Amino acid sequence: SKSEMDTMELAQNIESEKFPGMIICLNGELGSGK
């Protein structure tokens, strides 16, 4: 991801494949984009 927009776009693409009961775990240091 080269920008916040890239990160948001990936999230939007993942959302397009969503399903009930989906679990997404985010890890990384403070300010990393979670």
PDB file of all heavy atoms in Angstrom:
ATOM      1  N   SER A   1       0.860  -1.179   0.000  1.00  0.00           N
ATOM      2  CA  SER A   1       0.000   0.000   0.000  1.00  0.00           C
ATOM      3  C   SER A   1       0.896   1.228   0.000  1.00  0.00           C
ATOM      4  O   SER A   1       1.738   1.383   0.884  1.00  0.00           O
ATOM      5  CB  SER A   1      -0.894   0.002   1.245  1.00  0.00           C
ATOM      6  OG  SER A   1      -1.551   1.241   1.373  1.00  0.00           O
ATOM      7  N   LYS A   2       0.699   2.092  -0.964  1.00  0.00           N
ATOM      8  CA  LYS A   2       1.510   3.305  -1.054  1.00  0.00           C
ATOM      9  C   LYS A   2       0.798   4.527  -0.487  1.00  0.00           C
ATOM     10  O   LYS A   2       1.340   5.620  -0.494  1.00  0.00           O
ATOM     11  CB  LYS A   2       1.937   3.545  -2.492  1.00  0.00           C
ATOM     12  CG  LYS A   2       2.808   2.413  -3.026  1.00  0.00           C
ATOM     13  CD  LYS A   2       3.496   2.792  -4.300  1.00  0.00           C
ATOM     14  CE  LYS A   2       4.385   1.687  -4.812  1.00  0.00           C
ATOM     15  NZ  LYS A   2       5.564   1.474  -4.030  1.00  0.00           N
ATOM     16  N   SER A   3      -0.447   4.319   0.016  1.00  0.00           N
ATOM     17  CA  SER A   3      -1.219   5.437   0.567  1.00  0.00           C
ATOM     18  C   SER A   3      -2.390   4.886   1.379  1.00  0.00           C
ATOM     19  O   SER A   3      -2.716   3.702   1.295  1.00  0.00           O
ATOM     20  CB  SER A   3      -1.768   6.315  -0.562  1.00  0.00           C
ATOM     21  OG  SER A   3      -2.744   5.599  -1.306  1.00  0.00           O
ATOM     22  N   GLU A   4      -3.025   5.773   2.121  1.00  0.00           N
ATOM     23  CA  GLU A   4      -4.236   5.385   2.842  1.00  0.00           C
ATOM     24  C   GLU A   4      -5.317   4.936   1.862  1.00  0.00           C
ATOM     25  O   GLU A   4      -6.073   4.004   2.150  1.00  0.00           O
ATOM     26  CB  GLU A   4      -4.751   6.542   3.708  1.00  0.00           C
ATOM     27  CG  GLU A   4      -3.918   6.783   4.943  1.00  0.00           C
ATOM     28  CD  GLU A   4      -4.545   7.784   5.899  1.00  0.00           C
ATOM     29  OE1 GLU A   4      -5.651   8.316   5.618  1.00  0.00           O
ATOM     30  OE2 GLU A   4      -3.932   8.017   6.960  1.00  0.00           O
ATOM     31  N   MET A   5      -5.373   5.569   0.713  1.00  0.00           N
ATOM     32  CA  MET A   5      -6.372   5.186  -0.300  1.00  0.00           C
ATOM     33  C   MET A   5      -6.138   3.753  -0.770  1.00  0.00           C
ATOM     34  O   MET A   5      -7.101   3.009  -0.990  1.00  0.00           O
ATOM     35  CB  MET A   5      -6.355   6.159  -1.485  1.00  0.00           C
ATOM     36  CG  MET A   5      -6.938   7.523  -1.153  1.00  0.00           C
ATOM     37  SD  MET A   5      -8.605   7.492  -0.434  1.00  0.00           S
ATOM     38  CE  MET A   5      -9.522   6.684  -1.721  1.00  0.00           C
ATOM     39  N   ASP A   6      -4.884   3.349  -0.946  1.00  0.00           N
ATOM     40  CA  ASP A   6      -4.583   1.964  -1.328  1.00  0.00           C
ATOM     41  C   ASP A   6      -5.082   0.986  -0.267  1.00  0.00           C
ATOM     42  O   ASP A   6      -5.663  -0.051  -0.582  1.00  0.00           O
ATOM     43  CB  ASP A   6      -3.074   1.753  -1.509  1.00  0.00           C
ATOM     44  CG  ASP A   6      -2.529   2.282  -2.817  1.00  0.00           C
ATOM     45  OD1 ASP A   6      -3.315   2.734  -3.673  1.00  0.00           O
ATOM     46  OD2 ASP A   6      -1.291   2.242  -2.975  1.00  0.00           O
ATOM     47  N   THR A   7      -4.851   1.326   1.004  1.00  0.00           N
ATOM     48  CA  THR A   7      -5.286   0.462   2.102  1.00  0.00           C
ATOM     49  C   THR A   7      -6.803   0.371   2.126  1.00  0.00           C
ATOM     50  O   THR A   7      -7.375  -0.715   2.284  1.00  0.00           O
ATOM     51  CB  THR A   7      -4.751   0.990   3.449  1.00  0.00           C
ATOM     52  OG1 THR A   7      -3.315   0.993   3.400  1.00  0.00           O
ATOM     53  CG2 THR A   7      -5.218   0.126   4.606  1.00  0.00           C
ATOM     54  N   MET A   8      -7.469   1.500   1.936  1.00  0.00           N
ATOM     55  CA  MET A   8      -8.935   1.515   1.928  1.00  0.00           C
ATOM     56  C   MET A   8      -9.475   0.722   0.731  1.00  0.00           C
ATOM     57  O   MET A   8     -10.475   0.013   0.845  1.00  0.00           O
ATOM     58  CB  MET A   8      -9.459   2.947   1.930  1.00  0.00           C
ATOM     59  CG  MET A   8      -9.205   3.659   3.251  1.00  0.00           C
ATOM     60  SD  MET A   8      -9.791   5.360   3.283  1.00  0.00           S
ATOM     61  CE  MET A   8     -11.546   5.093   3.435  1.00  0.00           C
ATOM     62  N   GLU A   9      -8.794   0.825  -0.400  1.00  0.00           N
ATOM     63  CA  GLU A   9      -9.235   0.094  -1.590  1.00  0.00           C
ATOM     64  C   GLU A   9      -9.125  -1.417  -1.379  1.00  0.00           C
ATOM     65  O   GLU A   9     -10.023  -2.172  -1.758  1.00  0.00           O
ATOM     66  CB  GLU A   9      -8.409   0.516  -2.807  1.00  0.00           C
ATOM     67  CG  GLU A   9      -8.882  -0.120  -4.095  1.00  0.00           C
ATOM     68  CD  GLU A   9      -8.107   0.380  -5.298  1.00  0.00           C
ATOM     69  OE1 GLU A   9      -7.995   1.614  -5.457  1.00  0.00           O
ATOM     70  OE2 GLU A   9      -7.612  -0.461  -6.065  1.00  0.00           O
ATOM     71  N   LEU A  10      -8.053  -1.872  -0.749  1.00  0.00           N
ATOM     72  CA  LEU A  10      -7.927  -3.296  -0.443  1.00  0.00           C
ATOM     73  C   LEU A  10      -9.072  -3.734   0.474  1.00  0.00           C
ATOM     74  O   LEU A  10      -9.706  -4.769   0.248  1.00  0.00           O
ATOM     75  CB  LEU A  10      -6.579  -3.603   0.206  1.00  0.00           C
ATOM     76  CG  LEU A  10      -6.428  -5.061   0.676  1.00  0.00           C
ATOM     77  CD1 LEU A  10      -6.468  -6.026  -0.512  1.00  0.00           C
ATOM     78  CD2 LEU A  10      -5.156  -5.233   1.487  1.00  0.00           C
ATOM     79  N   ALA A  11      -9.344  -2.941   1.492  1.00  0.00           N
ATOM     80  CA  ALA A  11     -10.434  -3.261   2.414  1.00  0.00           C
ATOM     81  C   ALA A  11     -11.771  -3.325   1.675  1.00  0.00           C
ATOM     82  O   ALA A  11     -12.586  -4.216   1.928  1.00  0.00           O
ATOM     83  CB  ALA A  11     -10.497  -2.217   3.532  1.00  0.00           C
ATOM     84  N   GLN A  12     -11.992  -2.406   0.749  1.00  0.00           N
ATOM     85  CA  GLN A  12     -13.235  -2.394  -0.023  1.00  0.00           C
ATOM     86  C   GLN A  12     -13.337  -3.630  -0.914  1.00  0.00           C
ATOM     87  O   GLN A  12     -14.418  -4.198  -1.073  1.00  0.00           O
ATOM     88  CB  GLN A  12     -13.333  -1.104  -0.832  1.00  0.00           C
ATOM     89  CG  GLN A  12     -13.530   0.109   0.050  1.00  0.00           C
ATOM     90  CD  GLN A  12     -13.280   1.426  -0.650  1.00  0.00           C
ATOM     91  OE1 GLN A  12     -12.795   1.477  -1.771  1.00  0.00           O
ATOM     92  NE2 GLN A  12     -13.602   2.520   0.026  1.00  0.00           N
ATOM     93  N   ASN A  13     -12.223  -4.058  -1.469  1.00  0.00           N
ATOM     94  CA  ASN A  13     -12.216  -5.269  -2.288  1.00  0.00           C
ATOM     95  C   ASN A  13     -12.519  -6.504  -1.446  1.00  0.00           C
ATOM     96  O   ASN A  13     -13.250  -7.402  -1.878  1.00  0.00           O
ATOM     97  CB  ASN A  13     -10.891  -5.433  -3.018  1.00  0.00           C
ATOM     98  CG  ASN A  13     -10.709  -4.406  -4.120  1.00  0.00           C
ATOM     99  OD1 ASN A  13     -11.674  -3.831  -4.614  1.00  0.00           O
ATOM    100  ND2 ASN A  13      -9.469  -4.162  -4.491  1.00  0.00           N
ATOM    101  N   ILE A  14     -11.965  -6.549  -0.247  1.00  0.00           N
ATOM    102  CA  ILE A  14     -12.251  -7.667   0.659  1.00  0.00           C
ATOM    103  C   ILE A  14     -13.718  -7.628   1.072  1.00  0.00           C
ATOM    104  O   ILE A  14     -14.388  -8.662   1.125  1.00  0.00           O
ATOM    105  CB  ILE A  14     -11.301  -7.645   1.872  1.00  0.00           C
ATOM    106  CG1 ILE A  14      -9.879  -8.000   1.408  1.00  0.00           C
ATOM    107  CG2 ILE A  14     -11.773  -8.606   2.963  1.00  0.00           C
ATOM    108  CD1 ILE A  14      -8.807  -7.862   2.467  1.00  0.00           C
ATOM    109  N   GLU A  15     -14.251  -6.437   1.324  1.00  0.00           N
ATOM    110  CA  GLU A  15     -15.662  -6.303   1.697  1.00  0.00           C
ATOM    111  C   GLU A  15     -16.561  -6.852   0.599  1.00  0.00           C
ATOM    112  O   GLU A  15     -17.598  -7.453   0.877  1.00  0.00           O
ATOM    113  CB  GLU A  15     -15.998  -4.827   1.971  1.00  0.00           C
ATOM    114  CG  GLU A  15     -17.416  -4.597   2.485  1.00  0.00           C
ATOM    115  CD  GLU A  15     -18.484  -4.541   1.400  1.00  0.00           C
ATOM    116  OE1 GLU A  15     -18.150  -4.284   0.217  1.00  0.00           O
ATOM    117  OE2 GLU A  15     -19.674  -4.758   1.730  1.00  0.00           O
ATOM    118  N   SER A  16     -16.166  -6.699  -0.657  1.00  0.00           N
ATOM    119  CA  SER A  16     -17.004  -7.175  -1.763  1.00  0.00           C
ATOM    120  C   SER A  16     -17.157  -8.696  -1.748  1.00  0.00           C
ATOM    121  O   SER A  16     -18.054  -9.238  -2.375  1.00  0.00           O
ATOM    122  CB  SER A  16     -16.446  -6.698  -3.106  1.00  0.00           C
ATOM    123  OG  SER A  16     -15.247  -7.388  -3.418  1.00  0.00           O
ATOM    124  N   GLU A  17     -16.284  -9.385  -1.012  1.00  0.00           N
ATOM    125  CA  GLU A  17     -16.328 -10.847  -0.892  1.00  0.00           C
ATOM    126  C   GLU A  17     -16.835 -11.283   0.482  1.00  0.00           C
ATOM    127  O   GLU A  17     -16.687 -12.441   0.869  1.00  0.00           O
ATOM    128  CB  GLU A  17     -14.927 -11.419  -1.132  1.00  0.00           C
ATOM    129  CG  GLU A  17     -14.321 -11.070  -2.472  1.00  0.00           C
ATOM    130  CD  GLU A  17     -15.045 -11.723  -3.641  1.00  0.00           C
ATOM    131  OE1 GLU A  17     -15.513 -12.866  -3.485  1.00  0.00           O
ATOM    132  OE2 GLU A  17     -15.143 -11.078  -4.703  1.00  0.00           O
ATOM    133  N   LYS A  18     -17.433 -10.370   1.224  1.00  0.00           N
ATOM    134  CA  LYS A  18     -17.827 -10.644   2.614  1.00  0.00           C
ATOM    135  C   LYS A  18     -18.807 -11.803   2.718  1.00  0.00           C
ATOM    136  O   LYS A  18     -19.482 -12.150   1.755  1.00  0.00           O
ATOM    137  CB  LYS A  18     -18.436  -9.402   3.247  1.00  0.00           C
ATOM    138  CG  LYS A  18     -19.795  -9.041   2.664  1.00  0.00           C
ATOM    139  CD  LYS A  18     -20.281  -7.729   3.187  1.00  0.00           C
ATOM    140  CE  LYS A  18     -21.533  -7.259   2.484  1.00  0.00           C
ATOM    141  NZ  LYS A  18     -21.415  -7.053   1.052  1.00  0.00           N
ATOM    142  N   PHE A  19     -18.863 -12.359   3.911  1.00  0.00           N
ATOM    143  CA  PHE A  19     -19.831 -13.404   4.217  1.00  0.00           C
ATOM    144  C   PHE A  19     -20.138 -13.341   5.706  1.00  0.00           C
ATOM    145  O   PHE A  19     -19.336 -12.842   6.490  1.00  0.00           O
ATOM    146  CB  PHE A  19     -19.304 -14.792   3.815  1.00  0.00           C
ATOM    147  CG  PHE A  19     -17.937 -15.113   4.339  1.00  0.00           C
ATOM    148  CD1 PHE A  19     -17.768 -15.647   5.614  1.00  0.00           C
ATOM    149  CD2 PHE A  19     -16.808 -14.872   3.563  1.00  0.00           C
ATOM    150  CE1 PHE A  19     -16.503 -15.933   6.101  1.00  0.00           C
ATOM    151  CE2 PHE A  19     -15.540 -15.169   4.048  1.00  0.00           C
ATOM    152  CZ  PHE A  19     -15.389 -15.705   5.322  1.00  0.00           C
ATOM    153  N   PRO A  20     -21.328 -13.803   6.105  1.00  0.00           N
ATOM    154  CA  PRO A  20     -21.687 -13.782   7.525  1.00  0.00           C
ATOM    155  C   PRO A  20     -20.696 -14.587   8.359  1.00  0.00           C
ATOM    156  O   PRO A  20     -20.278 -15.670   7.961  1.00  0.00           O
ATOM    157  CB  PRO A  20     -23.078 -14.435   7.555  1.00  0.00           C
ATOM    158  CG  PRO A  20     -23.609 -14.252   6.174  1.00  0.00           C
ATOM    159  CD  PRO A  20     -22.403 -14.320   5.268  1.00  0.00           C
ATOM    160  N   GLY A  21     -20.307 -14.025   9.478  1.00  0.00           N
ATOM    161  CA  GLY A  21     -19.353 -14.696  10.360  1.00  0.00           C
ATOM    162  C   GLY A  21     -17.897 -14.451   9.995  1.00  0.00           C
ATOM    163  O   GLY A  21     -17.001 -15.044  10.572  1.00  0.00           O
ATOM    164  N   MET A  22     -17.646 -13.548   9.048  1.00  0.00           N
ATOM    165  CA  MET A  22     -16.273 -13.249   8.640  1.00  0.00           C
ATOM    166  C   MET A  22     -15.504 -12.634   9.807  1.00  0.00           C
ATOM    167  O   MET A  22     -16.005 -11.749  10.498  1.00  0.00           O
ATOM    168  CB  MET A  22     -16.278 -12.282   7.451  1.00  0.00           C
ATOM    169  CG  MET A  22     -14.894 -11.835   7.004  1.00  0.00           C
ATOM    170  SD  MET A  22     -14.993 -10.594   5.679  1.00  0.00           S
ATOM    171  CE  MET A  22     -14.832 -11.670   4.279  1.00  0.00           C
ATOM    172  N   ILE A  23     -14.283 -13.104  10.007  1.00  0.00           N
ATOM    173  CA  ILE A  23     -13.398 -12.593  11.051  1.00  0.00           C
ATOM    174  C   ILE A  23     -12.127 -12.084  10.379  1.00  0.00           C
ATOM    175  O   ILE A  23     -11.446 -12.839   9.674  1.00  0.00           O
ATOM    176  CB  ILE A  23     -13.008 -13.702  12.064  1.00  0.00           C
ATOM    177  CG1 ILE A  23     -14.224 -14.437  12.603  1.00  0.00           C
ATOM    178  CG2 ILE A  23     -12.131 -13.128  13.168  1.00  0.00           C
ATOM    179  CD1 ILE A  23     -15.150 -13.620  13.456  1.00  0.00           C
ATOM    180  N   ILE A  24     -11.799 -10.812  10.618  1.00  0.00           N
ATOM    181  CA  ILE A  24     -10.568 -10.221  10.084  1.00  0.00           C
ATOM    182  C   ILE A  24      -9.756  -9.717  11.261  1.00  0.00           C
ATOM    183  O   ILE A  24     -10.236  -8.913  12.066  1.00  0.00           O
ATOM    184  CB  ILE A  24     -10.866  -9.069   9.104  1.00  0.00           C
ATOM    185  CG1 ILE A  24     -11.744  -9.564   7.950  1.00  0.00           C
ATOM    186  CG2 ILE A  24      -9.557  -8.462   8.584  1.00  0.00           C
ATOM    187  CD1 ILE A  24     -12.214  -8.465   7.014  1.00  0.00           C
ATOM    188  N   CYS A  25      -8.523 -10.193  11.361  1.00  0.00           N
ATOM    189  CA  CYS A  25      -7.627  -9.852  12.466  1.00  0.00           C
ATOM    190  C   CYS A  25      -6.530  -8.934  11.948  1.00  0.00           C
ATOM    191  O   CYS A  25      -5.827  -9.280  10.997  1.00  0.00           O
ATOM    192  CB  CYS A  25      -7.007 -11.126  13.039  1.00  0.00           C
ATOM    193  SG  CYS A  25      -8.233 -12.312  13.625  1.00  0.00           S
ATOM    194  N   LEU A  26      -6.391  -7.773  12.571  1.00  0.00           N
ATOM    195  CA  LEU A  26      -5.413  -6.776  12.134  1.00  0.00           C
ATOM    196  C   LEU A  26      -4.347  -6.588  13.205  1.00  0.00           C
ATOM    197  O   LEU A  26      -4.668  -6.349  14.369  1.00  0.00           O
ATOM    198  CB  LEU A  26      -6.107  -5.439  11.870  1.00  0.00           C
ATOM    199  CG  LEU A  26      -7.324  -5.464  10.935  1.00  0.00           C
ATOM    200  CD1 LEU A  26      -7.909  -4.061  10.810  1.00  0.00           C
ATOM    201  CD2 LEU A  26      -6.966  -6.027   9.579  1.00  0.00           C
ATOM    202  N   ASN A  27      -3.092  -6.690  12.801  1.00  0.00           N
ATOM    203  CA  ASN A  27      -1.977  -6.506  13.728  1.00  0.00           C
ATOM    204  C   ASN A  27      -0.924  -5.612  13.090  1.00  0.00           C
ATOM    205  O   ASN A  27      -0.755  -5.613  11.879  1.00  0.00           O
ATOM    206  CB  ASN A  27      -1.374  -7.855  14.112  1.00  0.00           C
ATOM    207  CG  ASN A  27      -2.350  -8.686  14.915  1.00  0.00           C
ATOM    208  OD1 ASN A  27      -2.708  -8.318  16.021  1.00  0.00           O
ATOM    209  ND2 ASN A  27      -2.814  -9.785  14.343  1.00  0.00           N
ATOM    210  N   GLY A  28      -0.225  -4.872  13.917  1.00  0.00           N
ATOM    211  CA  GLY A  28       0.812  -3.964  13.448  1.00  0.00           C
ATOM    212  C   GLY A  28       0.965  -2.841  14.453  1.00  0.00           C
ATOM    213  O   GLY A  28       0.099  -2.629  15.309  1.00  0.00           O
ATOM    214  N   GLU A  29       2.054  -2.130  14.337  1.00  0.00           N
ATOM    215  CA  GLU A  29       2.328  -1.080  15.313  1.00  0.00           C
ATOM    216  C   GLU A  29       1.317   0.061  15.218  1.00  0.00           C
ATOM    217  O   GLU A  29       0.541   0.151  14.259  1.00  0.00           O
ATOM    218  CB  GLU A  29       3.760  -0.560  15.123  1.00  0.00           C
ATOM    219  CG  GLU A  29       4.002   0.083  13.773  1.00  0.00           C
ATOM    220  CD  GLU A  29       5.466   0.420  13.541  1.00  0.00           C
ATOM    221  OE1 GLU A  29       6.234  -0.478  13.184  1.00  0.00           O
ATOM    222  OE2 GLU A  29       5.823   1.600  13.727  1.00  0.00           O
ATOM    223  N   LEU A  30       1.324   0.912  16.228  1.00  0.00           N
ATOM    224  CA  LEU A  30       0.460   2.092  16.225  1.00  0.00           C
ATOM    225  C   LEU A  30       0.712   2.906  14.962  1.00  0.00           C
ATOM    226  O   LEU A  30       1.862   3.107  14.564  1.00  0.00           O
ATOM    227  CB  LEU A  30       0.733   2.959  17.458  1.00  0.00           C
ATOM    228  CG  LEU A  30       0.238   2.426  18.790  1.00  0.00           C
ATOM    229  CD1 LEU A  30       0.810   3.251  19.942  1.00  0.00           C
ATOM    230  CD2 LEU A  30      -1.276   2.432  18.847  1.00  0.00           C
ATOM    231  N   GLY A  31      -0.353   3.378  14.347  1.00  0.00           N
ATOM    232  CA  GLY A  31      -0.218   4.219  13.162  1.00  0.00           C
ATOM    233  C   GLY A  31       0.112   3.480  11.886  1.00  0.00           C
ATOM    234  O   GLY A  31       0.460   4.099  10.881  1.00  0.00           O
ATOM    235  N   SER A  32      -0.038   2.154  11.878  1.00  0.00           N
ATOM    236  CA  SER A  32       0.344   1.392  10.689  1.00  0.00           C
ATOM    237  C   SER A  32      -0.780   1.262   9.665  1.00  0.00           C
ATOM    238  O   SER A  32      -0.540   0.819   8.548  1.00  0.00           O
ATOM    239  CB  SER A  32       0.853   0.000  11.088  1.00  0.00           C
ATOM    240  OG  SER A  32      -0.142  -0.735  11.769  1.00  0.00           O
ATOM    241  N   GLY A  33      -2.007   1.645  10.024  1.00  0.00           N
ATOM    242  CA  GLY A  33      -3.092   1.634   9.052  1.00  0.00           C
ATOM    243  C   GLY A  33      -4.253   0.713   9.368  1.00  0.00           C
ATOM    244  O   GLY A  33      -5.151   0.535   8.545  1.00  0.00           O
ATOM    245  N   LYS A  34      -4.269   0.146  10.555  1.00  0.00           N
ATOM    246  CA  LYS A  34      -5.341  -0.792  10.920  1.00  0.00           C
ATOM    247  C   LYS A  34      -6.715  -0.115  10.881  1.00  0.00           C
ATOM    248  O   LYS A  34      -7.645  -0.640  10.264  1.00  0.00           O
ATOM    249  CB  LYS A  34      -5.074  -1.401  12.303  1.00  0.00           C
ATOM    250  CG  LYS A  34      -3.794  -2.231  12.365  1.00  0.00           C
ATOM    251  CD  LYS A  34      -3.539  -2.819  13.739  1.00  0.00           C
ATOM    252  CE  LYS A  34      -3.331  -1.799  14.831  1.00  0.00           C
ATOM    253  NZ  LYS A  34      -2.127  -0.985  14.716  1.00  0.00           N
TER     254      LYS A  34
END
